[in-house]
Amino acid sequence: MTQFTKLEASSRAKAGKGAARATRRGGQVPAVVYGAKQEPTLIALDPRLVVREMHKAGWRSRVYDITVDGASSHALMREIQLHPVTDQPIHVDFQRLAAGERMHVEVQIVFTGEDKSPGIKRGGVLNIVRHTVEVSADPASMPSSFTVDLSQLDIHDNVRWNDLQGTENVTPIVQTPNFVIATVAAPSVDEAAEAPAAAAPAKK
């Protein structure tokens, strides 16, 4: 079941660069909600809300419940434009979701149990091949993230698509069956040699 993040917004009457600048002068971030065969909705957001969301992992696949003048719609945050000097948000694009219409989203992978992995404890190196996976999903089952437990991985073990949790009702865009997400590689020769050397007592 999709978890919705609520966003309160106010409506904007006019489009265009001049109107957007006026919105920013008023202390808000101009934004637009488009898609689902409806007319674009012009809105304005509290910049603190935008900054909060953009610093959360996985915002590109998070489904937002946007409320404007009492009416709500579900949408994905597709793009955040930043000021070239201050890095503050200056415009946001949302894509409205339609029930039953599958969407392509990039979903972040959350890795857990790294500190318990026997392979990593023995000097193995976690090599992450993919931090995100692009998938096709219905809005009703849109995941905000996938998780994977690394606690049982030894050296030369790997994590594949089928090992991820939270992939129900989604389809990866990658065509390779059960593709690799991460591996635990053996330590390099130099690292392996340094370990016993560091453990050896100094000679007097």
Protein backbone atom coordinates (compact mmCIF):
# COMPACT_ATOMS: atom_id res chain seq x y z
CA MET A 1 0.00 0.00 0.00
CA THR A 2 1.37 3.38 -1.00
CA GLN A 3 2.23 5.77 1.82
CA PHE A 4 1.31 9.36 1.02
CA THR A 5 3.26 12.41 2.17
CA LYS A 6 0.95 15.37 2.69
CA LEU A 7 1.86 18.78 1.28
CA GLU A 8 -0.17 21.92 1.82
CA ALA A 9 -0.02 24.36 -1.10
CA SER A 10 -1.69 27.56 -2.22
CA SER A 11 -3.00 28.25 -5.71
CA ARG A 12 -1.39 30.60 -8.24
CA ALA A 13 -3.44 32.46 -10.81
CA LYS A 14 -0.82 33.26 -13.43
CA ALA A 15 1.90 31.36 -15.27
CA GLY A 16 5.13 32.76 -16.70
CA LYS A 17 8.48 33.98 -15.47
CA GLY A 18 7.15 37.26 -14.11
CA ALA A 19 4.48 35.53 -12.06
CA ALA A 20 7.02 32.99 -10.79
CA ARG A 21 9.36 35.78 -9.69
CA ALA A 22 6.49 37.48 -7.89
CA THR A 23 5.74 34.22 -6.06
CA ARG A 24 9.36 33.94 -4.96
CA ARG A 25 9.37 37.56 -3.80
CA GLY A 26 6.38 36.63 -1.67
CA GLY A 27 8.49 33.99 0.08
CA GLN A 28 7.11 30.92 -1.68
CA VAL A 29 8.32 28.46 -4.31
CA PRO A 30 6.31 28.33 -7.56
CA ALA A 31 5.34 24.85 -8.70
CA VAL A 32 3.13 23.10 -11.23
CA VAL A 33 1.18 19.83 -11.13
CA TYR A 34 0.69 18.32 -14.60
CA GLY A 35 -0.41 15.05 -16.16
CA ALA A 36 -3.30 12.54 -16.03
CA LYS A 37 -4.89 14.29 -19.05
CA GLN A 38 -5.84 17.31 -16.92
CA GLU A 39 -4.98 20.98 -17.18
CA PRO A 40 -1.81 21.94 -15.27
CA THR A 41 -2.42 23.28 -11.77
CA LEU A 42 -0.28 26.23 -10.70
CA ILE A 43 0.62 26.14 -7.01
CA ALA A 44 3.00 27.73 -4.51
CA LEU A 45 4.82 25.95 -1.68
CA ASP A 46 6.54 26.88 1.55
CA PRO A 47 10.27 26.65 0.69
CA ARG A 48 10.94 24.94 4.02
CA LEU A 49 8.71 22.05 2.97
CA VAL A 50 10.55 21.68 -0.34
CA VAL A 51 13.97 21.72 1.35
CA ARG A 52 12.77 19.17 3.89
CA GLU A 53 11.63 16.77 1.18
CA MET A 54 14.67 17.18 -1.08
CA HIS A 55 16.95 16.22 1.82
CA LYS A 56 15.01 13.02 2.45
CA ALA A 57 16.20 9.91 0.65
CA GLY A 58 13.95 8.64 -2.13
CA TRP A 59 11.94 11.79 -2.82
CA ARG A 60 11.72 10.96 -6.53
CA SER A 61 9.54 7.90 -5.83
CA ARG A 62 7.56 9.34 -2.90
CA VAL A 63 3.87 9.91 -3.61
CA TYR A 64 2.62 13.29 -2.41
CA ASP A 65 -0.93 14.12 -1.40
CA ILE A 66 -1.08 17.78 -2.42
CA THR A 67 -3.92 19.84 -0.96
CA VAL A 68 -4.84 23.12 -2.66
CA ASP A 69 -7.91 25.09 -1.55
CA GLY A 70 -9.44 21.97 -0.02
CA ALA A 71 -8.93 19.77 -3.11
CA SER A 72 -6.25 17.08 -3.13
CA SER A 73 -4.35 15.19 -5.81
CA HIS A 74 -1.65 12.55 -5.77
CA ALA A 75 1.59 13.30 -7.59
CA LEU A 76 5.29 12.51 -7.90
CA MET A 77 7.90 15.23 -7.45
CA ARG A 78 9.69 15.00 -10.79
CA GLU A 79 12.11 17.93 -10.72
CA ILE A 80 13.38 20.55 -8.29
CA GLN A 81 15.13 23.53 -9.88
CA LEU A 82 17.75 25.15 -7.65
CA HIS A 83 19.23 28.64 -7.62
CA PRO A 84 22.74 28.47 -9.17
CA VAL A 85 24.32 30.39 -6.28
CA THR A 86 22.27 29.69 -3.15
CA ASP A 87 21.11 26.14 -4.02
CA GLN A 88 17.66 27.10 -2.73
CA PRO A 89 14.62 25.68 -4.59
CA ILE A 90 13.16 28.08 -7.16
CA HIS A 91 10.64 25.82 -8.96
CA VAL A 92 9.14 22.34 -8.56
CA ASP A 93 7.48 20.08 -11.15
CA PHE A 94 4.96 17.45 -9.99
CA GLN A 95 3.45 14.73 -12.17
CA ARG A 96 -0.16 13.94 -11.30
CA LEU A 97 -0.99 10.24 -10.89
CA ALA A 98 -3.98 8.52 -12.46
CA ALA A 99 -5.38 5.33 -10.96
CA GLY A 100 -4.33 2.28 -12.96
CA GLU A 101 -1.75 4.16 -15.02
CA ARG A 102 1.67 2.64 -14.41
CA MET A 103 4.52 5.08 -13.86
CA HIS A 104 8.30 4.83 -14.24
CA VAL A 105 10.08 5.84 -11.05
CA GLU A 106 13.60 5.52 -9.66
CA VAL A 107 13.47 3.83 -6.25
CA GLN A 108 16.29 4.05 -3.72
CA ILE A 109 17.77 0.92 -2.11
CA VAL A 110 18.36 0.97 1.65
CA PHE A 111 21.14 -1.38 2.82
CA THR A 112 20.98 -2.74 6.39
CA GLY A 113 23.08 -5.12 8.49
CA GLU A 114 26.42 -4.13 6.95
CA ASP A 115 28.09 -4.13 10.38
CA LYS A 116 27.03 -7.77 10.92
CA SER A 117 28.20 -9.15 7.57
CA PRO A 118 30.83 -11.88 8.17
CA GLY A 119 32.50 -11.06 4.86
CA ILE A 120 32.87 -7.37 5.70
CA LYS A 121 34.10 -8.24 9.20
CA ARG A 122 36.88 -10.29 7.57
CA GLY A 123 38.01 -7.34 5.49
CA GLY A 124 35.72 -7.72 2.51
CA VAL A 125 34.61 -4.61 0.66
CA LEU A 126 30.97 -3.84 -0.10
CA ASN A 127 30.72 -2.94 -3.78
CA ILE A 128 27.34 -1.33 -4.49
CA VAL A 129 26.47 -1.72 -8.16
CA ARG A 130 23.10 0.04 -7.92
CA HIS A 131 21.96 2.59 -5.34
CA THR A 132 18.60 2.90 -7.11
CA VAL A 133 16.47 0.82 -9.47
CA GLU A 134 14.09 2.19 -12.09
CA VAL A 135 10.77 0.36 -11.98
CA SER A 136 7.28 0.47 -13.42
CA ALA A 137 4.53 0.57 -10.79
CA ASP A 138 0.88 1.40 -10.29
CA PRO A 139 0.29 4.47 -8.08
CA ALA A 140 -1.54 2.26 -5.57
CA SER A 141 1.60 0.19 -4.95
CA MET A 142 4.35 2.76 -5.48
CA PRO A 143 7.31 1.96 -3.16
CA SER A 144 9.27 4.79 -1.55
CA SER A 145 12.32 2.51 -1.14
CA PHE A 146 13.56 -1.07 -1.28
CA THR A 147 15.50 -2.67 1.59
CA VAL A 148 18.04 -5.47 1.70
CA ASP A 149 19.71 -7.23 4.64
CA LEU A 150 23.48 -7.70 4.29
CA SER A 151 24.01 -9.41 7.66
CA GLN A 152 24.51 -12.92 6.19
CA LEU A 153 26.80 -11.99 3.30
CA ASP A 154 30.28 -13.48 3.14
CA ILE A 155 33.13 -12.66 0.77
CA HIS A 156 32.13 -13.22 -2.89
CA ASP A 157 28.41 -13.26 -1.99
CA ASN A 158 26.11 -10.89 -3.81
CA VAL A 159 22.70 -9.26 -3.56
CA ARG A 160 20.30 -9.56 -6.48
CA TRP A 161 16.93 -8.10 -7.42
CA ASN A 162 15.09 -11.08 -5.91
CA ASP A 163 16.76 -10.38 -2.54
CA LEU A 164 15.20 -6.93 -2.20
CA GLN A 165 12.24 -6.39 0.09
CA GLY A 166 9.33 -4.24 -1.05
CA THR A 167 9.32 -5.25 -4.73
CA GLU A 168 5.78 -6.63 -4.75
CA ASN A 169 3.65 -5.44 -7.69
CA VAL A 170 6.51 -3.56 -9.37
CA THR A 171 8.47 -4.43 -12.51
CA PRO A 172 12.13 -3.48 -13.00
CA ILE A 173 12.95 -1.67 -16.23
CA VAL A 174 16.31 -3.49 -16.42
CA GLN A 175 15.94 -6.42 -18.81
CA THR A 176 18.61 -8.64 -17.21
CA PRO A 177 16.90 -11.33 -15.08
CA ASN A 178 17.63 -11.12 -11.34
CA PHE A 179 20.39 -8.55 -11.85
CA VAL A 180 23.12 -7.81 -9.29
CA ILE A 181 22.63 -5.01 -6.77
CA ALA A 182 25.79 -5.35 -4.65
CA THR A 183 28.67 -7.73 -3.94
CA VAL A 184 31.13 -8.32 -1.11
CA ALA A 185 34.55 -8.35 -2.75
CA ALA A 186 37.68 -9.91 -1.27
CA PRO A 187 40.17 -7.48 0.27
CA SER A 188 43.00 -6.37 -1.97
CA VAL A 189 46.45 -7.97 -1.60
CA ASP A 190 47.79 -4.85 0.11
CA GLU A 191 44.92 -4.75 2.62
CA ALA A 192 45.29 -8.45 3.40
CA ALA A 193 49.03 -8.01 4.00
CA GLU A 194 48.54 -4.99 6.24
CA ALA A 195 46.17 -6.78 8.60
CA PRO A 196 48.64 -9.36 10.03
CA ALA A 197 51.42 -6.79 9.99
CA ALA A 198 49.38 -4.43 12.11
CA ALA A 199 48.50 -7.24 14.51
CA ALA A 200 52.10 -8.41 15.01
CA PRO A 201 53.80 -7.13 18.21
CA ALA A 202 56.68 -4.74 17.77
CA LYS A 203 60.14 -6.27 18.24
CA LYS A 204 62.41 -4.85 20.94
